[in-house]
Protein backbone atom coordinates (compact mmCIF):
# COMPACT_ATOMS: atom_id res chain seq x y z
CA MET A 1 -0.18 -0.09 0.48
CA GLY A 2 0.77 3.66 -0.88
CA ALA A 3 -0.37 7.19 0.38
CA THR A 4 0.71 10.24 -0.96
CA ILE A 5 -0.19 14.14 0.68
CA ILE A 6 0.32 16.84 -1.94
CA THR A 7 0.16 20.48 -0.71
CA GLY A 8 -1.60 23.33 -2.66
CA SER A 9 1.80 24.62 -3.16
CA GLY A 10 2.37 21.05 -5.12
CA ASP A 11 4.50 19.78 -2.59
CA THR A 12 4.54 15.92 -1.88
CA TRP A 13 4.97 13.86 1.11
CA ASP A 14 5.15 10.16 1.37
CA PHE A 15 5.60 7.12 3.55
CA ASP A 16 7.95 4.45 3.03
CA ILE A 17 5.59 2.00 4.07
CA VAL A 18 1.40 1.90 4.34
CA THR A 19 0.95 -0.31 7.60
CA GLY A 20 -3.06 0.43 7.83
CA GLU A 21 -5.52 2.46 6.24
CA GLY A 22 -9.08 3.61 7.46
CA HIS A 23 -11.83 5.25 5.28
CA GLN A 24 -14.94 6.59 7.35
CA HIS A 25 -18.03 7.74 5.35
CA ASP A 26 -20.43 8.40 7.61
CA ALA A 27 -24.33 9.53 7.36
CA GLU A 28 -26.89 10.79 9.64
CA TRP A 29 -30.23 9.53 9.54
CA PRO A 30 -32.73 11.11 11.87
CA THR A 31 -33.93 10.16 14.73
CA SER A 32 -37.34 10.97 15.48
CA PRO A 33 -40.15 10.12 12.92
CA VAL A 34 -40.41 11.11 9.04
CA GLU A 35 -43.87 12.00 7.81
CA ASP A 36 -45.14 9.70 5.58
CA GLY A 37 -45.11 10.35 2.10
CA ALA A 38 -41.80 13.05 2.77
CA ASP A 39 -38.58 12.17 0.80
CA VAL A 40 -36.87 10.53 3.63
CA SER A 41 -33.25 11.35 1.72
CA ASP A 42 -33.74 14.81 2.09
CA HIS A 43 -33.82 14.70 6.10
CA CYS A 44 -30.11 12.22 5.62
CA HIS A 45 -27.13 14.22 5.87
CA LEU A 46 -23.83 13.05 4.73
CA SER A 47 -20.83 13.74 7.31
CA PRO A 48 -18.01 14.90 5.70
CA GLU A 49 -14.87 12.03 4.88
CA GLU A 50 -12.15 11.05 6.91
CA LEU A 51 -8.98 9.36 6.07
CA THR A 52 -6.95 7.89 9.07
CA LEU A 53 -3.29 6.53 7.39
CA ASP A 54 -0.51 4.36 9.37
CA GLY A 55 3.00 4.09 8.41
CA LEU A 56 6.48 4.33 8.78
CA VAL A 57 9.53 6.56 7.65
CA THR A 58 12.72 4.94 8.33
CA ASP A 59 16.69 6.27 7.87
CA ASP A 60 17.38 3.78 4.87
CA ASN A 61 17.98 5.82 1.81
CA GLU A 62 20.09 5.62 -1.48
CA GLU A 63 21.37 9.56 -0.74
CA GLY A 64 22.81 8.73 2.29
CA GLU A 65 20.43 11.11 4.02
CA LEU A 66 21.09 11.57 8.13
CA ASP A 67 17.94 11.89 10.58
CA ARG A 68 16.02 11.41 7.41
CA ALA A 69 12.92 10.16 9.33
CA LYS A 70 12.67 13.21 11.73
CA ALA A 71 13.16 15.81 8.65
CA ALA A 72 9.96 13.72 7.36
CA TYR A 73 8.16 13.79 10.41
CA GLU A 74 9.13 17.27 10.43
CA ALA A 75 7.89 18.17 7.18
CA LEU A 76 4.59 16.13 7.83
CA LEU A 77 4.11 18.67 10.74
CA ASP A 78 4.60 21.59 8.73
CA ILE A 79 2.48 20.68 7.00
CA ARG A 80 -0.26 20.05 9.24
CA ASN A 81 0.81 23.96 10.76
CA ALA A 82 0.37 25.46 7.00
CA ARG A 83 -3.33 24.77 8.02
CA GLU A 84 -3.51 24.19 4.31
CA LEU A 85 -5.90 21.76 2.56
CA VAL A 86 -4.68 19.06 1.21
CA THR A 87 -4.92 16.11 -2.05
CA VAL A 88 -4.05 12.61 -0.51
CA VAL A 89 -3.78 9.48 -3.22
CA THR A 90 -4.44 6.21 -2.01
CA ASP A 91 -4.77 3.02 -3.77
CA LEU A 92 -8.31 2.98 -2.93
CA ARG A 93 -9.38 6.40 -3.92
CA VAL A 94 -8.42 10.40 -3.83
CA TYR A 95 -8.97 12.73 -1.79
CA GLU A 96 -9.52 16.41 -1.74
CA SER A 97 -9.98 19.43 -0.17
CA MET A 98 -9.18 17.46 3.27
CA GLY A 99 -7.42 19.30 6.71
CA ILE A 100 -5.31 17.32 8.88
CA LEU A 101 -6.82 16.76 12.05
CA SER A 102 -3.90 15.10 13.83
CA VAL A 103 -0.35 13.52 13.32
CA SER A 104 0.91 11.46 16.39
CA THR A 105 3.20 8.88 16.19
CA SER A 106 4.84 6.81 19.19
CA VAL A 107 8.36 5.86 19.60
CA GLY A 108 9.88 2.71 21.72
CA LYS A 109 12.79 0.45 21.80
CA ASP A 110 12.02 -1.61 18.29
CA THR A 111 11.55 1.62 16.50
CA GLY A 112 15.25 2.92 16.56
CA LYS A 113 15.43 6.04 14.75
CA ALA A 114 12.25 4.90 12.01
CA VAL A 115 9.14 7.11 13.06
CA ASN A 116 5.97 5.35 12.16
CA PRO A 117 3.36 8.50 12.01
CA SER A 118 -0.46 8.20 11.94
CA VAL A 119 -2.16 11.06 10.20
CA THR A 120 -5.88 11.83 10.45
CA LEU A 121 -7.66 14.01 8.05
CA ARG A 122 -11.14 15.35 7.16
CA GLN A 123 -12.96 16.83 4.30
CA ILE A 124 -13.73 20.61 4.22
CA ARG A 125 -16.81 21.39 1.90
CA ILE A 126 -16.31 24.52 -0.04
CA VAL A 127 -19.32 26.27 -1.07
CA ASN A 128 -20.10 29.97 -2.69
CA SER A 129 -21.32 32.61 -1.12
CA VAL A 130 -23.52 35.18 -3.14
CA SER A 131 -23.77 38.65 -1.90
CA ILE A 132 -27.14 41.14 -2.65
CA PRO A 133 -26.51 44.54 -2.19
CA VAL A 134 -29.35 46.85 -0.19
CA PRO A 135 -30.23 50.28 -1.14
CA PRO A 136 -28.58 52.43 1.53
CA ASP A 137 -31.82 54.66 2.37
CA VAL A 138 -32.76 50.67 3.63
CA LEU A 139 -30.22 50.34 6.06
CA SER A 140 -30.08 53.74 7.62
CA PRO A 141 -33.08 54.73 9.14
CA PRO A 142 -33.88 58.58 9.44
CA VAL A 143 -32.32 60.98 11.54
CA ARG A 144 -34.05 63.78 13.04
CA SER A 145 -32.70 66.84 12.48
CA SER A 146 -32.80 70.08 14.21
CA GLY A 147 -36.19 71.03 15.20
CA GLN A 148 -38.13 67.75 14.08
CA SER A 149 -40.51 66.90 15.91
CA THR A 150 -41.32 63.56 16.88
CA VAL A 151 -44.57 63.16 14.90
CA GLU A 152 -42.46 64.52 11.51
CA LEU A 153 -40.21 61.82 12.07
CA GLU A 154 -43.01 59.28 12.64
CA LYS A 155 -43.88 60.62 8.76
CA GLN A 156 -40.37 60.81 7.71
CA ALA A 157 -39.92 56.80 8.59
CA LEU A 158 -43.21 55.81 7.72
CA ASP A 159 -43.83 57.70 4.25
CA MET A 160 -47.00 59.45 5.57
CA GLU A 161 -49.03 62.16 5.05
CA GLY A 162 -51.34 63.93 7.78
CA ASP A 163 -50.34 65.77 10.78
CA GLY A 164 -52.34 62.66 13.30
CA THR A 165 -54.62 65.13 14.46
CA GLU A 166 -58.92 64.04 14.15
CA ALA A 167 -59.06 66.01 11.56
CA ASN A 168 -55.93 65.49 9.12
CA PRO A 169 -55.29 61.65 10.58
CA PHE A 170 -52.11 59.89 8.99
CA ALA A 171 -52.34 58.48 5.54
CA LEU A 172 -49.78 56.90 4.09
CA SER A 173 -48.44 58.47 0.67
CA PRO A 174 -49.31 56.22 -2.34
CA PRO A 175 -45.97 53.75 -3.06
CA SER A 176 -43.90 54.60 -5.83
CA TRP A 177 -43.53 50.99 -6.46
CA GLY A 178 -46.89 49.02 -6.00
CA PRO A 179 -49.67 48.52 -7.90
CA ASN A 180 -51.52 51.62 -6.96
CA ALA A 181 -48.89 53.75 -7.74
CA ASP A 182 -50.82 56.15 -10.30
CA TYR A 183 -53.97 55.93 -7.64
CA THR A 184 -55.64 59.26 -7.16
CA PRO A 185 -58.45 58.91 -4.42
CA PRO A 186 -61.79 59.75 -6.47
CA PRO A 187 -63.43 63.19 -5.71
CA GLU A 188 -64.96 64.32 -2.72
CA PRO A 189 -68.93 63.99 -3.52
CA GLU A 190 -70.81 67.34 -3.90
CA ILE A 191 -72.75 69.06 -1.39
CA GLY A 192 -75.25 70.95 -2.23
CA ALA A 193 -76.98 73.93 -0.50
CA GLY A 194 -78.42 72.89 3.05
CA ALA A 195 -77.72 69.02 2.31
CA GLU A 196 -75.90 67.00 4.62
CA ALA A 197 -72.80 64.56 3.86
CA SER A 198 -72.89 61.26 2.65
CA SER A 199 -72.24 58.90 4.83
CA GLY A 200 -70.97 56.67 2.80
CA GLY A 201 -68.47 58.80 1.21
CA TYR A 202 -64.35 58.41 1.00
CA SER A 203 -62.57 59.86 3.61
CA GLU A 204 -58.55 60.03 4.33
CA GLN A 205 -59.27 57.62 6.81
CA ASP A 206 -60.59 54.91 4.60
CA GLU A 207 -57.27 55.82 2.39
CA PHE A 208 -55.55 55.57 4.97
CA GLU A 209 -56.75 51.96 6.10
CA GLU A 210 -56.85 50.66 2.70
CA TYR A 211 -52.62 51.50 2.40
CA PHE A 212 -51.47 50.64 5.80
CA TRP A 213 -53.92 47.47 6.65
């Protein structure tokens, strides 16, 4: 067996011998009941893939390099400390966008100058984000100017007409973007001499209720 770790810059790191590989592909299924007729697969979450590599690096080399095993272990730690994503090529499959979770080794009387690193990696999922610009007037609330009353500030925030009195209540201005952008209220009914106003006339209060409610 063999395994190669490839960094983003194209550098590679290899075991002399891979003594074991652990390939883990988990899925999380719901523990609560799923409604009959629902797509059950929508309730299953695929966990990131994990890979564990156990191997051996020795001082034996044709170049006569001293402390080669120690240097190889330090190089592996450098990849981990750089916190960069790597690609791992194994005999079983290729893993991309993997982050190193841990690097460990053990030293005993039988290891000599060899190093037997164990590396655990987890897949890091990359998603694309989309930014939507927001108009400045939406983010910036109305600011009270010098001498501006609370009523005027409320009218500015809600784009309302009127002064809030019983004779002239608030009425929302017709929105420029709505289906009634060109709406104009019907004319007031004509009142003849000595006649009383009809109770069915269209008042400013009616207009307020139409746009506000």
